[in-house]
Every structure is written in C-alpha cells, then in structure tokens.
PDB file of N, CA and C in Angstrom:
ATOM      1  N   MET A   1      11.865   5.815   5.447  1.00  0.00           N
ATOM      2  CA  MET A   1      11.027   4.434   4.734  1.00  0.00           C
ATOM      3  C   MET A   1       9.934   5.169   4.125  1.00  0.00           C
ATOM      4  N   VAL A   2       9.331   5.657   4.828  1.00  0.00           N
ATOM      5  CA  VAL A   2       7.620   5.657   4.946  1.00  0.00           C
ATOM      6  C   VAL A   2       7.826   6.804   3.832  1.00  0.00           C
ATOM      7  N   SER A   3       8.439   7.695   4.420  1.00  0.00           N
ATOM      8  CA  SER A   3       8.837   8.816   3.416  1.00  0.00           C
ATOM      9  C   SER A   3       9.509   8.627   2.024  1.00  0.00           C
ATOM     10  N   GLU A   4      10.085   7.750   2.119  1.00  0.00           N
ATOM     11  CA  GLU A   4      11.240   7.806   0.520  1.00  0.00           C
ATOM     12  C   GLU A   4      10.926   6.461  -0.172  1.00  0.00           C
ATOM     13  N   SER A   5       9.516   5.943   0.113  1.00  0.00           N
ATOM     14  CA  SER A   5       9.659   4.519  -0.530  1.00  0.00           C
ATOM     15  C   SER A   5       9.341   4.503  -2.115  1.00  0.00           C
ATOM     16  N   SER A   6       8.718   5.057  -2.767  1.00  0.00           N
ATOM     17  CA  SER A   6       8.392   5.889  -3.936  1.00  0.00           C
ATOM     18  C   SER A   6       9.613   5.836  -4.197  1.00  0.00           C
ATOM     19  N   LYS A   7       9.989   7.063  -3.733  1.00  0.00           N
ATOM     20  CA  LYS A   7      11.422   7.333  -4.711  1.00  0.00           C
ATOM     21  C   LYS A   7      12.712   6.423  -5.443  1.00  0.00           C
ATOM     22  N   SER A   8      12.210   4.828  -4.853  1.00  0.00           N
ATOM     23  CA  SER A   8      13.039   4.017  -4.990  1.00  0.00           C
ATOM     24  C   SER A   8      12.735   3.641  -6.420  1.00  0.00           C
ATOM     25  N   TYR A   9      11.312   3.415  -6.859  1.00  0.00           N
ATOM     26  CA  TYR A   9      11.171   3.105  -8.328  1.00  0.00           C
ATOM     27  C   TYR A   9      10.507   4.168  -9.065  1.00  0.00           C
ATOM     28  N   LEU A  10       9.931   5.746  -8.755  1.00  0.00           N
ATOM     29  CA  LEU A  10       9.468   6.520  -9.316  1.00  0.00           C
ATOM     30  C   LEU A  10      11.120   7.433  -9.960  1.00  0.00           C
ATOM     31  N   VAL A  11      11.137   6.742 -10.906  1.00  0.00           N
ATOM     32  CA  VAL A  11      13.179   7.361 -11.357  1.00  0.00           C
ATOM     33  C   VAL A  11      12.419   6.714 -13.254  1.00  0.00           C
ATOM     34  N   LYS A  12      13.815   7.874 -13.730  1.00  0.00           N
ATOM     35  CA  LYS A  12      13.505   6.796 -14.502  1.00  0.00           C
ATOM     36  C   LYS A  12      13.830   6.024 -15.768  1.00  0.00           C
ATOM     37  N   GLU A  13      14.762   5.397 -14.684  1.00  0.00           N
ATOM     38  CA  GLU A  13      15.746   4.227 -14.932  1.00  0.00           C
ATOM     39  C   GLU A  13      15.238   3.247 -14.304  1.00  0.00           C
ATOM     40  N   VAL A  14      13.304   3.400 -14.462  1.00  0.00           N
ATOM     41  CA  VAL A  14      12.881   2.036 -13.205  1.00  0.00           C
ATOM     42  C   VAL A  14      13.457   0.560 -13.831  1.00  0.00           C
ATOM     43  N   ASP A  15      12.969   0.864 -15.167  1.00  0.00           N
ATOM     44  CA  ASP A  15      12.956  -0.251 -16.443  1.00  0.00           C
ATOM     45  C   ASP A  15      14.173  -1.153 -16.149  1.00  0.00           C
ATOM     46  N   GLU A  16      15.498  -0.546 -16.551  1.00  0.00           N
ATOM     47  CA  GLU A  16      16.551  -0.888 -16.311  1.00  0.00           C
ATOM     48  C   GLU A  16      16.931  -1.449 -15.094  1.00  0.00           C
ATOM     49  N   ILE A  17      16.733  -0.592 -13.700  1.00  0.00           N
ATOM     50  CA  ILE A  17      16.995  -1.030 -12.419  1.00  0.00           C
ATOM     51  C   ILE A  17      16.044  -2.285 -12.246  1.00  0.00           C
ATOM     52  N   ASN A  18      14.930  -2.418 -12.634  1.00  0.00           N
ATOM     53  CA  ASN A  18      13.520  -3.857 -12.551  1.00  0.00           C
ATOM     54  C   ASN A  18      15.127  -4.937 -12.809  1.00  0.00           C
ATOM     55  N   LYS A  19      15.640  -4.767 -14.304  1.00  0.00           N
ATOM     56  CA  LYS A  19      16.381  -6.310 -14.740  1.00  0.00           C
ATOM     57  C   LYS A  19      17.043  -6.839 -13.870  1.00  0.00           C
ATOM     58  N   ASP A  20      16.963  -6.138 -12.701  1.00  0.00           N
ATOM     59  CA  ASP A  20      18.732  -6.776 -11.734  1.00  0.00           C
ATOM     60  C   ASP A  20      17.518  -6.984 -10.820  1.00  0.00           C
ATOM     61  N   LYS A  21      16.609  -6.917 -10.867  1.00  0.00           N
ATOM     62  CA  LYS A  21      15.307  -8.203  -9.759  1.00  0.00           C
ATOM     63  C   LYS A  21      15.231  -7.503  -8.072  1.00  0.00           C
ATOM     64  N   VAL A  22      15.514  -5.753  -8.830  1.00  0.00           N
ATOM     65  CA  VAL A  22      15.463  -4.826  -7.772  1.00  0.00           C
ATOM     66  C   VAL A  22      14.567  -5.020  -6.548  1.00  0.00           C
ATOM     67  N   PHE A  23      13.855  -4.842  -7.744  1.00  0.00           N
ATOM     68  CA  PHE A  23      12.103  -4.737  -6.498  1.00  0.00           C
ATOM     69  C   PHE A  23      11.467  -5.798  -6.206  1.00  0.00           C
ATOM     70  N   SER A  24      11.914  -6.834  -6.452  1.00  0.00           N
ATOM     71  CA  SER A  24      11.418  -8.081  -6.533  1.00  0.00           C
ATOM     72  C   SER A  24      11.588  -8.770  -4.689  1.00  0.00           C
ATOM     73  N   PRO A  25      11.686  -8.211  -3.938  1.00  0.00           N
ATOM     74  CA  PRO A  25      11.119  -8.355  -2.608  1.00  0.00           C
ATOM     75  C   PRO A  25       9.859  -7.515  -2.434  1.00  0.00           C
ATOM     76  N   LEU A  26       9.500  -6.478  -3.425  1.00  0.00           N
ATOM     77  CA  LEU A  26       8.711  -5.833  -3.525  1.00  0.00           C
ATOM     78  C   LEU A  26       7.606  -6.758  -3.677  1.00  0.00           C
ATOM     79  N   GLU A  27       7.968  -6.741  -5.169  1.00  0.00           N
ATOM     80  CA  GLU A  27       6.447  -7.630  -6.006  1.00  0.00           C
ATOM     81  C   GLU A  27       6.090  -9.233  -5.061  1.00  0.00           C
ATOM     82  N   ASN A  28       7.382  -9.490  -5.055  1.00  0.00           N
ATOM     83  CA  ASN A  28       6.542 -10.472  -3.790  1.00  0.00           C
ATOM     84  C   ASN A  28       5.715 -10.881  -2.162  1.00  0.00           C
ATOM     85  N   LEU A  29       6.322  -9.089  -2.144  1.00  0.00           N
ATOM     86  CA  LEU A  29       4.895  -9.228  -0.884  1.00  0.00           C
ATOM     87  C   LEU A  29       3.861  -8.906  -1.509  1.00  0.00           C
ATOM     88  N   CYS A  30       3.855  -8.130  -2.604  1.00  0.00           N
ATOM     89  CA  CYS A  30       2.388  -7.670  -3.307  1.00  0.00           C
ATOM     90  C   CYS A  30       2.063  -8.509  -3.684  1.00  0.00           C
ATOM     91  N   ALA A  31       2.481 -10.192  -3.455  1.00  0.00           N
ATOM     92  CA  ALA A  31       2.204 -11.856  -4.910  1.00  0.00           C
ATOM     93  C   ALA A  31       1.267 -12.127  -2.939  1.00  0.00           C
ATOM     94  N   PHE A  32       2.516 -11.644  -2.135  1.00  0.00           N
ATOM     95  CA  PHE A  32       2.084 -12.571  -1.424  1.00  0.00           C
ATOM     96  C   PHE A  32       0.171 -11.952  -0.268  1.00  0.00           C
ATOM     97  N   ILE A  33       0.301 -10.482  -0.739  1.00  0.00           N
ATOM     98  CA  ILE A  33      -0.891 -10.170  -0.577  1.00  0.00           C
ATOM     99  C   ILE A  33      -1.685 -10.598  -1.303  1.00  0.00           C
ATOM    100  N   SER A  34      -1.573 -10.249  -2.742  1.00  0.00           N
ATOM    101  CA  SER A  34      -2.826 -10.379  -3.058  1.00  0.00           C
ATOM    102  C   SER A  34      -3.565 -12.176  -2.996  1.00  0.00           C
ATOM    103  N   ASN A  35      -2.296 -12.724  -2.721  1.00  0.00           N
ATOM    104  CA  ASN A  35      -2.871 -14.574  -2.508  1.00  0.00           C
ATOM    105  C   ASN A  35      -3.948 -14.648  -1.624  1.00  0.00           C
ATOM    106  N   ILE A  36      -3.631 -13.690  -0.321  1.00  0.00           N
ATOM    107  CA  ILE A  36      -4.491 -13.271   0.483  1.00  0.00           C
ATOM    108  C   ILE A  36      -6.033 -12.744   0.373  1.00  0.00           C
ATOM    109  N   ILE A  37      -6.046 -12.021  -0.585  1.00  0.00           N
ATOM    110  CA  ILE A  37      -6.842 -11.392  -0.912  1.00  0.00           C
ATOM    111  C   ILE A  37      -7.870 -13.038  -1.622  1.00  0.00           C
ATOM    112  N   SER A  38      -7.380 -13.164  -3.094  1.00  0.00           N
ATOM    113  CA  SER A  38      -8.024 -14.005  -3.245  1.00  0.00           C
ATOM    114  C   SER A  38      -8.586 -15.271  -2.183  1.00  0.00           C
ATOM    115  N   ALA A  39      -7.799 -15.828  -2.115  1.00  0.00           N
ATOM    116  CA  ALA A  39      -7.860 -16.689  -1.121  1.00  0.00           C
ATOM    117  C   ALA A  39      -9.251 -16.382   0.044  1.00  0.00           C
ATOM    118  N   SER A  40      -9.336 -15.237   0.577  1.00  0.00           N
ATOM    119  CA  SER A  40     -10.854 -14.904   1.013  1.00  0.00           C
ATOM    120  C   SER A  40     -12.186 -14.383  -0.274  1.00  0.00           C
ATOM    121  N   ASN A  41     -11.605 -13.946  -1.451  1.00  0.00           N
ATOM    122  CA  ASN A  41     -12.820 -14.073  -1.689  1.00  0.00           C
ATOM    123  C   ASN A  41     -11.652 -14.271  -3.830  1.00  0.00           C
ATOM    124  N   PRO A  42     -12.041 -14.926  -3.965  1.00  0.00           N
ATOM    125  CA  PRO A  42     -11.718 -15.863  -5.718  1.00  0.00           C
ATOM    126  C   PRO A  42     -12.387 -15.074  -6.125  1.00  0.00           C
ATOM    127  N   LYS A  43     -13.479 -13.922  -6.183  1.00  0.00           N
ATOM    128  CA  LYS A  43     -14.165 -13.211  -7.078  1.00  0.00           C
ATOM    129  C   LYS A  43     -13.652 -12.001  -7.425  1.00  0.00           C
ATOM    130  N   PHE A  44     -12.860 -11.395  -5.965  1.00  0.00           N
ATOM    131  CA  PHE A  44     -12.842 -10.470  -6.199  1.00  0.00           C
ATOM    132  C   PHE A  44     -11.625 -10.356  -7.924  1.00  0.00           C
ATOM    133  N   PRO A  45     -11.907  -9.445  -8.802  1.00  0.00           N
ATOM    134  CA  PRO A  45     -11.231  -9.361  -9.728  1.00  0.00           C
ATOM    135  C   PRO A  45      -9.841  -9.031  -9.545  1.00  0.00           C
ATOM    136  N   TYR A  46      -9.493  -8.040  -8.880  1.00  0.00           N
ATOM    137  CA  TYR A  46      -8.006  -7.330  -9.125  1.00  0.00           C
ATOM    138  C   TYR A  46      -7.190  -7.221  -7.848  1.00  0.00           C
ATOM    139  N   PRO A  47      -6.629  -8.821  -7.366  1.00  0.00           N
ATOM    140  CA  PRO A  47      -6.160  -8.809  -5.755  1.00  0.00           C
ATOM    141  C   PRO A  47      -4.351  -8.312  -5.871  1.00  0.00           C
ATOM    142  N   THR A  48      -3.955  -8.360  -7.351  1.00  0.00           N
ATOM    143  CA  THR A  48      -2.646  -8.013  -7.563  1.00  0.00           C
ATOM    144  C   THR A  48      -2.867  -6.000  -6.860  1.00  0.00           C
ATOM    145  N   SER A  49      -3.394  -5.642  -7.980  1.00  0.00           N
ATOM    146  CA  SER A  49      -4.183  -4.212  -8.504  1.00  0.00           C
ATOM    147  C   SER A  49      -4.329  -3.834  -6.738  1.00  0.00           C
ATOM    148  N   PHE A  50      -5.449  -4.539  -6.175  1.00  0.00           N
ATOM    149  CA  PHE A  50      -5.575  -3.845  -5.158  1.00  0.00           C
ATOM    150  C   PHE A  50      -4.233  -4.081  -4.041  1.00  0.00           C
ATOM    151  N   ALA A  51      -3.568  -5.460  -4.012  1.00  0.00           N
ATOM    152  CA  ALA A  51      -2.708  -5.100  -2.776  1.00  0.00           C
ATOM    153  C   ALA A  51      -1.263  -4.028  -3.301  1.00  0.00           C
ATOM    154  N   SER A  52      -1.023  -3.673  -4.482  1.00  0.00           N
ATOM    155  CA  SER A  52       0.272  -2.851  -4.397  1.00  0.00           C
ATOM    156  C   SER A  52      -0.811  -1.375  -4.075  1.00  0.00           C
ATOM    157  N   THR A  53      -2.050  -1.702  -4.102  1.00  0.00           N
ATOM    158  CA  THR A  53      -2.897  -0.126  -4.105  1.00  0.00           C
ATOM    159  C   THR A  53      -2.500   0.291  -2.194  1.00  0.00           C
ATOM    160  N   LEU A  54      -2.920  -1.525  -1.783  1.00  0.00           N
ATOM    161  CA  LEU A  54      -2.641  -1.324  -0.631  1.00  0.00           C
ATOM    162  C   LEU A  54      -1.297  -0.863   0.418  1.00  0.00           C
ATOM    163  N   LEU A  55      -0.183  -1.040  -0.586  1.00  0.00           N
ATOM    164  CA  LEU A  55       0.847  -0.959   0.462  1.00  0.00           C
ATOM    165  C   LEU A  55       1.543   0.486   0.110  1.00  0.00           C
ATOM    166  N   GLU A  56       1.031   1.094  -0.967  1.00  0.00           N
ATOM    167  CA  GLU A  56       1.245   2.281  -1.823  1.00  0.00           C
ATOM    168  C   GLU A  56      -0.102   4.055  -0.515  1.00  0.00           C
ATOM    169  N   THR A  57      -1.082   3.379  -0.257  1.00  0.00           N
ATOM    170  CA  THR A  57      -1.682   3.298   0.227  1.00  0.00           C
ATOM    171  C   THR A  57      -1.514   3.473   1.958  1.00  0.00           C
ATOM    172  N   ALA A  58      -0.978   2.934   2.434  1.00  0.00           N
ATOM    173  CA  ALA A  58       0.196   2.561   3.859  1.00  0.00           C
ATOM    174  C   ALA A  58       0.654   3.260   3.318  1.00  0.00           C
ATOM    175  N   HIS A  59       1.919   3.708   2.572  1.00  0.00           N
ATOM    176  CA  HIS A  59       2.817   4.557   2.868  1.00  0.00           C
ATOM    177  C   HIS A  59       2.511   5.648   2.265  1.00  0.00           C
ATOM    178  N   ASP A  60       1.351   6.074   1.913  1.00  0.00           N
ATOM    179  CA  ASP A  60       0.800   7.353   1.451  1.00  0.00           C
ATOM    180  C   ASP A  60      -0.075   7.433   2.518  1.00  0.00           C
ATOM    181  N   GLN A  61      -0.976   7.843   3.242  1.00  0.00           N
ATOM    182  CA  GLN A  61      -1.394   7.347   4.682  1.00  0.00           C
ATOM    183  C   GLN A  61      -0.746   8.560   5.711  1.00  0.00           C
ATOM    184  N   GLN A  62       0.765   7.205   5.968  1.00  0.00           N
ATOM    185  CA  GLN A  62       1.237   7.230   7.268  1.00  0.00           C
ATOM    186  C   GLN A  62       2.078   9.196   7.024  1.00  0.00           C
ATOM    187  N   PHE A  63       2.092   9.027   6.111  1.00  0.00           N
ATOM    188  CA  PHE A  63       2.824  10.248   5.269  1.00  0.00           C
ATOM    189  C   PHE A  63       2.428  12.063   5.337  1.00  0.00           C
ATOM    190  N   PHE A  64       0.533  11.193   4.800  1.00  0.00           N
ATOM    191  CA  PHE A  64       0.199  13.145   4.935  1.00  0.00           C
ATOM    192  C   PHE A  64      -0.998  12.573   6.269  1.00  0.00           C
ATOM    193  N   SER A  65      -1.297  11.343   7.922  1.00  0.00           N
ATOM    194  CA  SER A  65      -1.456  11.640   8.870  1.00  0.00           C
ATOM    195  C   SER A  65      -0.544  12.568   9.633  1.00  0.00           C
ATOM    196  N   GLU A  66       1.165  12.153   9.567  1.00  0.00           N
ATOM    197  CA  GLU A  66       2.076  13.161  10.163  1.00  0.00           C
ATOM    198  C   GLU A  66       2.539  14.108   9.721  1.00  0.00           C
ATOM    199  N   HIS A  67       2.141  14.923   8.135  1.00  0.00           N
ATOM    200  CA  HIS A  67       2.215  15.424   7.946  1.00  0.00           C
ATOM    201  C   HIS A  67       1.401  16.850   6.894  1.00  0.00           C
ATOM    202  N   MET A  68       0.611  16.163   6.595  1.00  0.00           N
ATOM    203  CA  MET A  68      -0.828  16.921   6.035  1.00  0.00           C
ATOM    204  C   MET A  68      -1.272  16.376   6.490  1.00  0.00           C
ATOM    205  N   SER A  69      -1.556  16.240   7.549  1.00  0.00           N
ATOM    206  CA  SER A  69      -3.637  15.793   7.933  1.00  0.00           C
ATOM    207  C   SER A  69      -4.589  16.751   7.513  1.00  0.00           C
ATOM    208  N   LYS A  70      -4.699  17.715   7.353  1.00  0.00           N
ATOM    209  CA  LYS A  70      -5.208  18.286   5.737  1.00  0.00           C
ATOM    210  C   LYS A  70      -5.714  17.292   4.522  1.00  0.00           C
ATOM    211  N   LEU A  71      -4.548  15.998   4.037  1.00  0.00           N
ATOM    212  CA  LEU A  71      -4.953  14.835   3.305  1.00  0.00           C
ATOM    213  C   LEU A  71      -5.649  14.035   3.998  1.00  0.00           C
ATOM    214  N   THR A  72      -6.249  13.624   5.141  1.00  0.00           N
ATOM    215  CA  THR A  72      -6.388  12.712   6.332  1.00  0.00           C
ATOM    216  C   THR A  72      -8.186  12.809   6.682  1.00  0.00           C
ATOM    217  N   ASP A  73      -8.430  11.863   7.091  1.00  0.00           N
ATOM    218  CA  ASP A  73      -9.582  11.885   8.358  1.00  0.00           C
ATOM    219  C   ASP A  73      -8.619  11.763   9.629  1.00  0.00           C
ATOM    220  N   ASN A  74      -7.480  11.801  10.138  1.00  0.00           N
ATOM    221  CA  ASN A  74      -7.237  11.245  11.271  1.00  0.00           C
ATOM    222  C   ASN A  74      -7.156  13.118  12.416  1.00  0.00           C
ATOM    223  N   LYS A  75      -8.942  13.710  12.336  1.00  0.00           N
ATOM    224  CA  LYS A  75      -8.609  14.936  12.607  1.00  0.00           C
ATOM    225  C   LYS A  75      -8.277  14.860  14.100  1.00  0.00           C
ATOM    226  N   ASP A  76      -8.744  13.948  15.017  1.00  0.00           N
ATOM    227  CA  ASP A  76      -8.183  13.654  15.736  1.00  0.00           C
ATOM    228  C   ASP A  76      -6.517  13.519  16.475  1.00  0.00           C
ATOM    229  N   ASN A  77      -5.531  13.446  15.385  1.00  0.00           N
ATOM    230  CA  ASN A  77      -3.785  13.615  15.380  1.00  0.00           C
ATOM    231  C   ASN A  77      -4.275  12.390  16.447  1.00  0.00           C
ATOM    232  N   GLN A  78      -4.958  10.838  15.820  1.00  0.00           N
ATOM    233  CA  GLN A  78      -4.411   9.953  16.991  1.00  0.00           C
ATOM    234  C   GLN A  78      -3.357   8.886  16.230  1.00  0.00           C
ATOM    235  N   ASN A  79      -2.733   8.345  17.191  1.00  0.00           N
ATOM    236  CA  ASN A  79      -1.916   7.926  16.763  1.00  0.00           C
ATOM    237  C   ASN A  79      -1.590   6.973  14.840  1.00  0.00           C
ATOM    238  N   HIS A  80      -0.701   8.035  14.437  1.00  0.00           N
ATOM    239  CA  HIS A  80      -0.634   7.717  13.331  1.00  0.00           C
ATOM    240  C   HIS A  80      -1.049   6.299  12.639  1.00  0.00           C
ATOM    241  N   LYS A  81       0.035   5.472  12.648  1.00  0.00           N
ATOM    242  CA  LYS A  81      -0.253   4.183  12.700  1.00  0.00           C
ATOM    243  C   LYS A  81      -1.881   3.216  13.144  1.00  0.00           C
ATOM    244  N   SER A  82      -2.210   3.164  13.830  1.00  0.00           N
ATOM    245  CA  SER A  82      -3.623   2.607  14.317  1.00  0.00           C
ATOM    246  C   SER A  82      -4.374   3.645  13.506  1.00  0.00           C
ATOM    247  N   TYR A  83      -4.207   4.778  12.971  1.00  0.00           N
ATOM    248  CA  TYR A  83      -4.931   5.413  12.506  1.00  0.00           C
ATOM    249  C   TYR A  83      -5.377   4.421  10.697  1.00  0.00           C
ATOM    250  N   VAL A  84      -3.375   4.570  10.599  1.00  0.00           N
ATOM    251  CA  VAL A  84      -3.611   3.796   9.165  1.00  0.00           C
ATOM    252  C   VAL A  84      -4.677   2.717   9.169  1.00  0.00           C
ATOM    253  N   LEU A  85      -3.672   2.088   9.675  1.00  0.00           N
ATOM    254  CA  LEU A  85      -4.308   0.382   9.562  1.00  0.00           C
ATOM    255  C   LEU A  85      -5.761   0.446   9.585  1.00  0.00           C
ATOM    256  N   ASN A  86      -6.407   1.136  11.175  1.00  0.00           N
ATOM    257  CA  ASN A  86      -8.134   1.173  10.539  1.00  0.00           C
ATOM    258  C   ASN A  86      -8.302   1.595   9.603  1.00  0.00           C
ATOM    259  N   TYR A  87      -8.066   2.425   8.645  1.00  0.00           N
ATOM    260  CA  TYR A  87      -8.321   2.872   7.368  1.00  0.00           C
ATOM    261  C   TYR A  87      -8.272   1.303   6.553  1.00  0.00           C
ATOM    262  N   LEU A  88      -7.251   0.918   7.041  1.00  0.00           N
ATOM    263  CA  LEU A  88      -6.874   0.392   5.465  1.00  0.00           C
ATOM    264  C   LEU A  88      -7.761  -0.954   6.107  1.00  0.00           C
ATOM    265  N   LYS A  89      -8.021  -1.505   6.930  1.00  0.00           N
ATOM    266  CA  LYS A  89      -9.082  -2.349   7.575  1.00  0.00           C
ATOM    267  C   LYS A  89     -10.467  -2.239   7.019  1.00  0.00           C
ATOM    268  N   TYR A  90     -10.667  -0.872   6.635  1.00  0.00           N
ATOM    269  CA  TYR A  90     -12.193  -0.492   6.232  1.00  0.00           C
ATOM    270  C   TYR A  90     -11.913  -1.293   5.130  1.00  0.00           C
ATOM    271  N   LEU A  91     -11.081  -0.101   4.031  1.00  0.00           N
ATOM    272  CA  LEU A  91     -10.906  -0.074   2.755  1.00  0.00           C
ATOM    273  C   LEU A  91     -11.022  -1.747   2.704  1.00  0.00           C
ATOM    274  N   THR A  92     -10.527  -2.321   3.126  1.00  0.00           N
ATOM    275  CA  THR A  92      -9.637  -4.645   2.700  1.00  0.00           C
ATOM    276  C   THR A  92     -11.678  -4.739   3.516  1.00  0.00           C
ATOM    277  N   PHE A  93     -12.064  -4.707   3.935  1.00  0.00           N
ATOM    278  CA  PHE A  93     -12.967  -5.726   4.248  1.00  0.00           C
ATOM    279  C   PHE A  93     -14.326  -5.322   3.705  1.00  0.00           C
ATOM    280  N   ASN A  94     -14.749  -4.283   3.313  1.00  0.00           N
ATOM    281  CA  ASN A  94     -15.458  -3.831   2.113  1.00  0.00           C
ATOM    282  C   ASN A  94     -15.545  -3.646   1.080  1.00  0.00           C
ATOM    283  N   LEU A  95     -13.938  -4.204   0.872  1.00  0.00           N
ATOM    284  CA  LEU A  95     -14.336  -3.367  -0.508  1.00  0.00           C
ATOM    285  C   LEU A  95     -13.870  -4.819  -1.432  1.00  0.00           C
ATOM    286  N   THR A  96     -13.872  -6.075  -0.392  1.00  0.00           N
ATOM    287  CA  THR A  96     -12.820  -7.421  -1.355  1.00  0.00           C
ATOM    288  C   THR A  96     -14.413  -8.562  -0.365  1.00  0.00           C
ATOM    289  N   LYS A  97     -15.233  -8.280   0.443  1.00  0.00           N
ATOM    290  CA  LYS A  97     -16.117  -9.647   0.418  1.00  0.00           C
ATOM    291  C   LYS A  97     -17.145  -9.525  -0.143  1.00  0.00           C
TER     292      LYS A  97
END
C-alpha cells in the first residue's frame, strides 16, 4: 500500500472515479485528522491541507527511507516506521503549536 497509494488517485480519470465516492475513506481520514488539528489549535489556518500532507508524507518518507535513503535524514537506517513517526511528530508539534 505504501508504495502504491498515490497511484490510486494520480490518474487522469480521478474526477470520474471520485464521482462514485471511491476516495471517501481517504477523505474521511483526512477530515478526522483535520478535526484533531483544529481542536488542538483552532487558529491553525490549514488543518485539512496539513492533514493530507501528513498522510502523503508518511507514505513518501516510508518509501524513501526503505528504498532511496538519500532523500531522507534516516542516515543511521533506523527502523523505517519509527523514523517516519518521529519525523511526522516533529513536523506536527512544531507547526501546530
């Protein structure tokens, strides 16, 4: 899923496919995360954009950490999931404070 996730919606037919609400689970997850961001900082101006960025960043950094390490700061090749989680925590808590 990590390596293929964006391929599901980065297609020419995305608008047509989305008419059938195929991406509702992704949109719902993004809305859930956005609500948490807004609850923790009501003045944060971009909760939905940041939520979708976090999801996509999680996928990208996991893939990069495992396969293209020069695109990450996981220089010690630590556990890929831990690296990504720590990175996302750092971004989130520093950007939304």
